[in-house]
Amino acid sequence: NRVVRQNPDERNYHIFYALLAGTDSQQKEALYLSDAESYHYLKSGCVSNKSLDDKLMFEKVMAAFFVMEFDSEEIHDIFKLLSGVLQLGNIEFITAGGAQITTKEGTWRQGWGLVL
C-alpha cells in the first residue's frame, strides 16, 4: 500500500507534501502538522523532489476545490483527515505487559483530536 510504504526513490501521495508546503503556520498549528521528515509515512521514501513544486501543487488543489464549490469547512475537514492519516503513521503499537501505544514524537494524542 502506497500510504504506508514507498520504494526508496518514490514519494507518497503528492497531496501530503502539498498540504505541508502550502499551509501557513496557523493552519499547521491547527492541524498539528510539522515538516515531512516528522512523519513515518513520508520519510520511508523520498521526501523531496526538485522537479516538483509542492506549494504550487497546493495552490492548484485549492483552485480545484473552489471550482468544485467546496466550502471552507469541507476543505478543512479534508485537511483534518489528511493530517490524521499522517498522525496514524507515527503510532507504534507495543506489547509489554499489555497493549500500549507510543510515538517517537509523542504527538499522537493531539493528532487524534483531529480524527475523532
C-alpha atoms as a PDB file:
ATOM      1  CA  ASN A   1       0.000   0.000   0.000  1.00  0.00           C
ATOM      2  CA  ARG A   2       1.500   3.298  -1.088  1.00  0.00           C
ATOM      3  CA  VAL A   3       0.369   5.200   2.013  1.00  0.00           C
ATOM      4  CA  VAL A   4       2.383   3.075   4.430  1.00  0.00           C
ATOM      5  CA  ARG A   5       5.430   2.181   2.324  1.00  0.00           C
ATOM      6  CA  GLN A   6       7.260   3.523  -0.713  1.00  0.00           C
ATOM      7  CA  ASN A   7      10.299   2.416  -2.661  1.00  0.00           C
ATOM      8  CA  PRO A   8      13.458   4.394  -1.847  1.00  0.00           C
ATOM      9  CA  ASP A   9      13.155   6.834  -4.764  1.00  0.00           C
ATOM     10  CA  GLU A  10       9.366   7.225  -4.627  1.00  0.00           C
ATOM     11  CA  ARG A  11       7.210   9.681  -2.749  1.00  0.00           C
ATOM     12  CA  ASN A  12       3.929   9.101  -1.032  1.00  0.00           C
ATOM     13  CA  TYR A  13       0.771  10.725  -2.403  1.00  0.00           C
ATOM     14  CA  HIS A  14       1.513  14.272  -3.566  1.00  0.00           C
ATOM     15  CA  ILE A  15      -1.335  15.754  -1.536  1.00  0.00           C
ATOM     16  CA  PHE A  16       0.565  15.127   1.713  1.00  0.00           C
ATOM     17  CA  TYR A  17       3.592  17.131   0.558  1.00  0.00           C
ATOM     18  CA  ALA A  18       1.371  19.819  -0.982  1.00  0.00           C
ATOM     19  CA  LEU A  19      -0.515  20.185   2.309  1.00  0.00           C
ATOM     20  CA  LEU A  20       2.723  20.574   4.270  1.00  0.00           C
ATOM     21  CA  ALA A  21       4.192  23.054   1.773  1.00  0.00           C
ATOM     22  CA  GLY A  22       1.077  25.126   1.195  1.00  0.00           C
ATOM     23  CA  THR A  23      -0.403  25.655   4.634  1.00  0.00           C
ATOM     24  CA  ASP A  24       0.678  28.628   6.698  1.00  0.00           C
ATOM     25  CA  SER A  25       1.927  28.365  10.275  1.00  0.00           C
ATOM     26  CA  GLN A  26      -1.510  28.993  11.777  1.00  0.00           C
ATOM     27  CA  GLN A  27      -3.073  26.226   9.685  1.00  0.00           C
ATOM     28  CA  LYS A  28      -0.204  23.877  10.512  1.00  0.00           C
ATOM     29  CA  GLU A  29      -0.697  24.522  14.209  1.00  0.00           C
ATOM     30  CA  ALA A  30      -4.459  23.918  13.972  1.00  0.00           C
ATOM     31  CA  LEU A  31      -3.863  20.666  12.078  1.00  0.00           C
ATOM     32  CA  TYR A  32      -0.890  19.549  14.227  1.00  0.00           C
ATOM     33  CA  LEU A  33       1.348  19.498  11.165  1.00  0.00           C
ATOM     34  CA  SER A  34       5.124  19.844  11.009  1.00  0.00           C
ATOM     35  CA  ASP A  35       7.738  19.083   8.359  1.00  0.00           C
ATOM     36  CA  ALA A  36       7.632  15.998   6.128  1.00  0.00           C
ATOM     37  CA  GLU A  37      10.565  14.375   7.909  1.00  0.00           C
ATOM     38  CA  SER A  38       8.411  14.145  11.054  1.00  0.00           C
ATOM     39  CA  TYR A  39       6.064  11.594   9.526  1.00  0.00           C
ATOM     40  CA  HIS A  40       6.888   7.919   9.226  1.00  0.00           C
ATOM     41  CA  TYR A  41       4.646   7.549   6.175  1.00  0.00           C
ATOM     42  CA  LEU A  42       6.574  10.249   4.324  1.00  0.00           C
ATOM     43  CA  LYS A  43      10.175   9.648   5.359  1.00  0.00           C
ATOM     44  CA  SER A  44      10.207   5.967   4.408  1.00  0.00           C
ATOM     45  CA  GLY A  45      10.590   7.016   0.762  1.00  0.00           C
ATOM     46  CA  CYS A  46      11.920  10.119  -0.952  1.00  0.00           C
ATOM     47  CA  VAL A  47      10.809  13.279   0.911  1.00  0.00           C
ATOM     48  CA  SER A  48      11.766  15.920  -1.627  1.00  0.00           C
ATOM     49  CA  ASN A  49      11.753  16.043  -5.394  1.00  0.00           C
ATOM     50  CA  LYS A  50      13.363  19.052  -7.046  1.00  0.00           C
ATOM     51  CA  SER A  51      11.255  18.597 -10.184  1.00  0.00           C
ATOM     52  CA  LEU A  52       8.022  19.143  -8.215  1.00  0.00           C
ATOM     53  CA  ASP A  53       6.761  22.363  -6.659  1.00  0.00           C
ATOM     54  CA  ASP A  54       4.664  21.240  -3.697  1.00  0.00           C
ATOM     55  CA  LYS A  55       3.472  24.750  -2.873  1.00  0.00           C
ATOM     56  CA  LEU A  56       2.269  25.282  -6.443  1.00  0.00           C
ATOM     57  CA  MET A  57       0.540  21.893  -6.271  1.00  0.00           C
ATOM     58  CA  PHE A  58      -1.266  23.072  -3.122  1.00  0.00           C
ATOM     59  CA  GLU A  59      -2.409  26.227  -4.903  1.00  0.00           C
ATOM     60  CA  LYS A  60      -3.763  24.114  -7.765  1.00  0.00           C
ATOM     61  CA  VAL A  61      -5.585  21.832  -5.334  1.00  0.00           C
ATOM     62  CA  MET A  62      -7.147  24.858  -3.633  1.00  0.00           C
ATOM     63  CA  ALA A  63      -8.216  26.258  -7.008  1.00  0.00           C
ATOM     64  CA  ALA A  64      -9.796  22.899  -7.866  1.00  0.00           C
ATOM     65  CA  PHE A  65     -11.680  22.858  -4.542  1.00  0.00           C
ATOM     66  CA  PHE A  66     -13.181  26.246  -5.339  1.00  0.00           C
ATOM     67  CA  VAL A  67     -14.055  25.243  -8.918  1.00  0.00           C
ATOM     68  CA  MET A  68     -15.897  22.232  -7.492  1.00  0.00           C
ATOM     69  CA  GLU A  69     -17.568  24.585  -4.981  1.00  0.00           C
ATOM     70  CA  PHE A  70     -16.181  23.033  -1.819  1.00  0.00           C
ATOM     71  CA  ASP A  71     -16.778  25.383   1.089  1.00  0.00           C
ATOM     72  CA  SER A  72     -14.091  26.235   3.636  1.00  0.00           C
ATOM     73  CA  GLU A  73     -15.462  23.772   6.196  1.00  0.00           C
ATOM     74  CA  GLU A  74     -15.344  20.887   3.718  1.00  0.00           C
ATOM     75  CA  ILE A  75     -11.785  21.790   2.744  1.00  0.00           C
ATOM     76  CA  HIS A  76     -10.748  21.973   6.384  1.00  0.00           C
ATOM     77  CA  ASP A  77     -12.336  18.570   7.026  1.00  0.00           C
ATOM     78  CA  ILE A  78     -10.314  17.067   4.166  1.00  0.00           C
ATOM     79  CA  PHE A  79      -7.150  18.603   5.604  1.00  0.00           C
ATOM     80  CA  LYS A  80      -8.003  17.192   9.044  1.00  0.00           C
ATOM     81  CA  LEU A  81      -8.401  13.752   7.508  1.00  0.00           C
ATOM     82  CA  LEU A  82      -5.041  14.003   5.719  1.00  0.00           C
ATOM     83  CA  SER A  83      -3.368  15.175   8.921  1.00  0.00           C
ATOM     84  CA  GLY A  84      -4.979  12.293  10.796  1.00  0.00           C
ATOM     85  CA  VAL A  85      -3.541   9.798   8.315  1.00  0.00           C
ATOM     86  CA  LEU A  86      -0.071  11.263   8.841  1.00  0.00           C
ATOM     87  CA  GLN A  87      -0.524  11.125  12.633  1.00  0.00           C
ATOM     88  CA  LEU A  88      -1.639   7.489  12.465  1.00  0.00           C
ATOM     89  CA  GLY A  89       1.603   6.593  10.733  1.00  0.00           C
ATOM     90  CA  ASN A  90       3.554   7.770  13.765  1.00  0.00           C
ATOM     91  CA  ILE A  91       1.736   5.499  16.191  1.00  0.00           C
ATOM     92  CA  GLU A  92       3.654   2.441  17.311  1.00  0.00           C
ATOM     93  CA  PHE A  93       1.890  -0.447  18.984  1.00  0.00           C
ATOM     94  CA  ILE A  94       3.923  -2.381  21.513  1.00  0.00           C
ATOM     95  CA  THR A  95       3.103  -5.132  23.932  1.00  0.00           C
ATOM     96  CA  ALA A  96       4.914  -5.215  27.222  1.00  0.00           C
ATOM     97  CA  GLY A  97       2.606  -6.482  29.915  1.00  0.00           C
ATOM     98  CA  GLY A  98      -0.415  -5.243  27.973  1.00  0.00           C
ATOM     99  CA  ALA A  99      -1.107  -3.222  24.881  1.00  0.00           C
ATOM    100  CA  GLN A 100       0.423   0.233  24.797  1.00  0.00           C
ATOM    101  CA  ILE A 101       0.548   2.978  22.226  1.00  0.00           C
ATOM    102  CA  THR A 102       3.530   5.246  21.795  1.00  0.00           C
ATOM    103  CA  THR A 103       5.143   7.525  19.256  1.00  0.00           C
ATOM    104  CA  LYS A 104       8.647   8.812  18.872  1.00  0.00           C
ATOM    105  CA  GLU A 105       7.316  12.339  18.551  1.00  0.00           C
ATOM    106  CA  GLY A 106       4.738  11.977  21.331  1.00  0.00           C
ATOM    107  CA  THR A 107       2.083  13.890  19.376  1.00  0.00           C
ATOM    108  CA  TRP A 108      -0.439  11.170  18.650  1.00  0.00           C
ATOM    109  CA  ARG A 109      -2.868  12.308  21.372  1.00  0.00           C
ATOM    110  CA  GLN A 110      -3.086  15.787  19.847  1.00  0.00           C
ATOM    111  CA  GLY A 111      -3.448  14.427  16.338  1.00  0.00           C
ATOM    112  CA  TRP A 112      -6.204  12.038  17.411  1.00  0.00           C
ATOM    113  CA  GLY A 113      -8.312  15.042  18.312  1.00  0.00           C
ATOM    114  CA  LEU A 114      -8.484  15.755  14.597  1.00  0.00           C
ATOM    115  CA  VAL A 115      -9.705  12.297  13.697  1.00  0.00           C
ATOM    116  CA  LEU A 116     -12.264  11.856  16.486  1.00  0.00           C
END
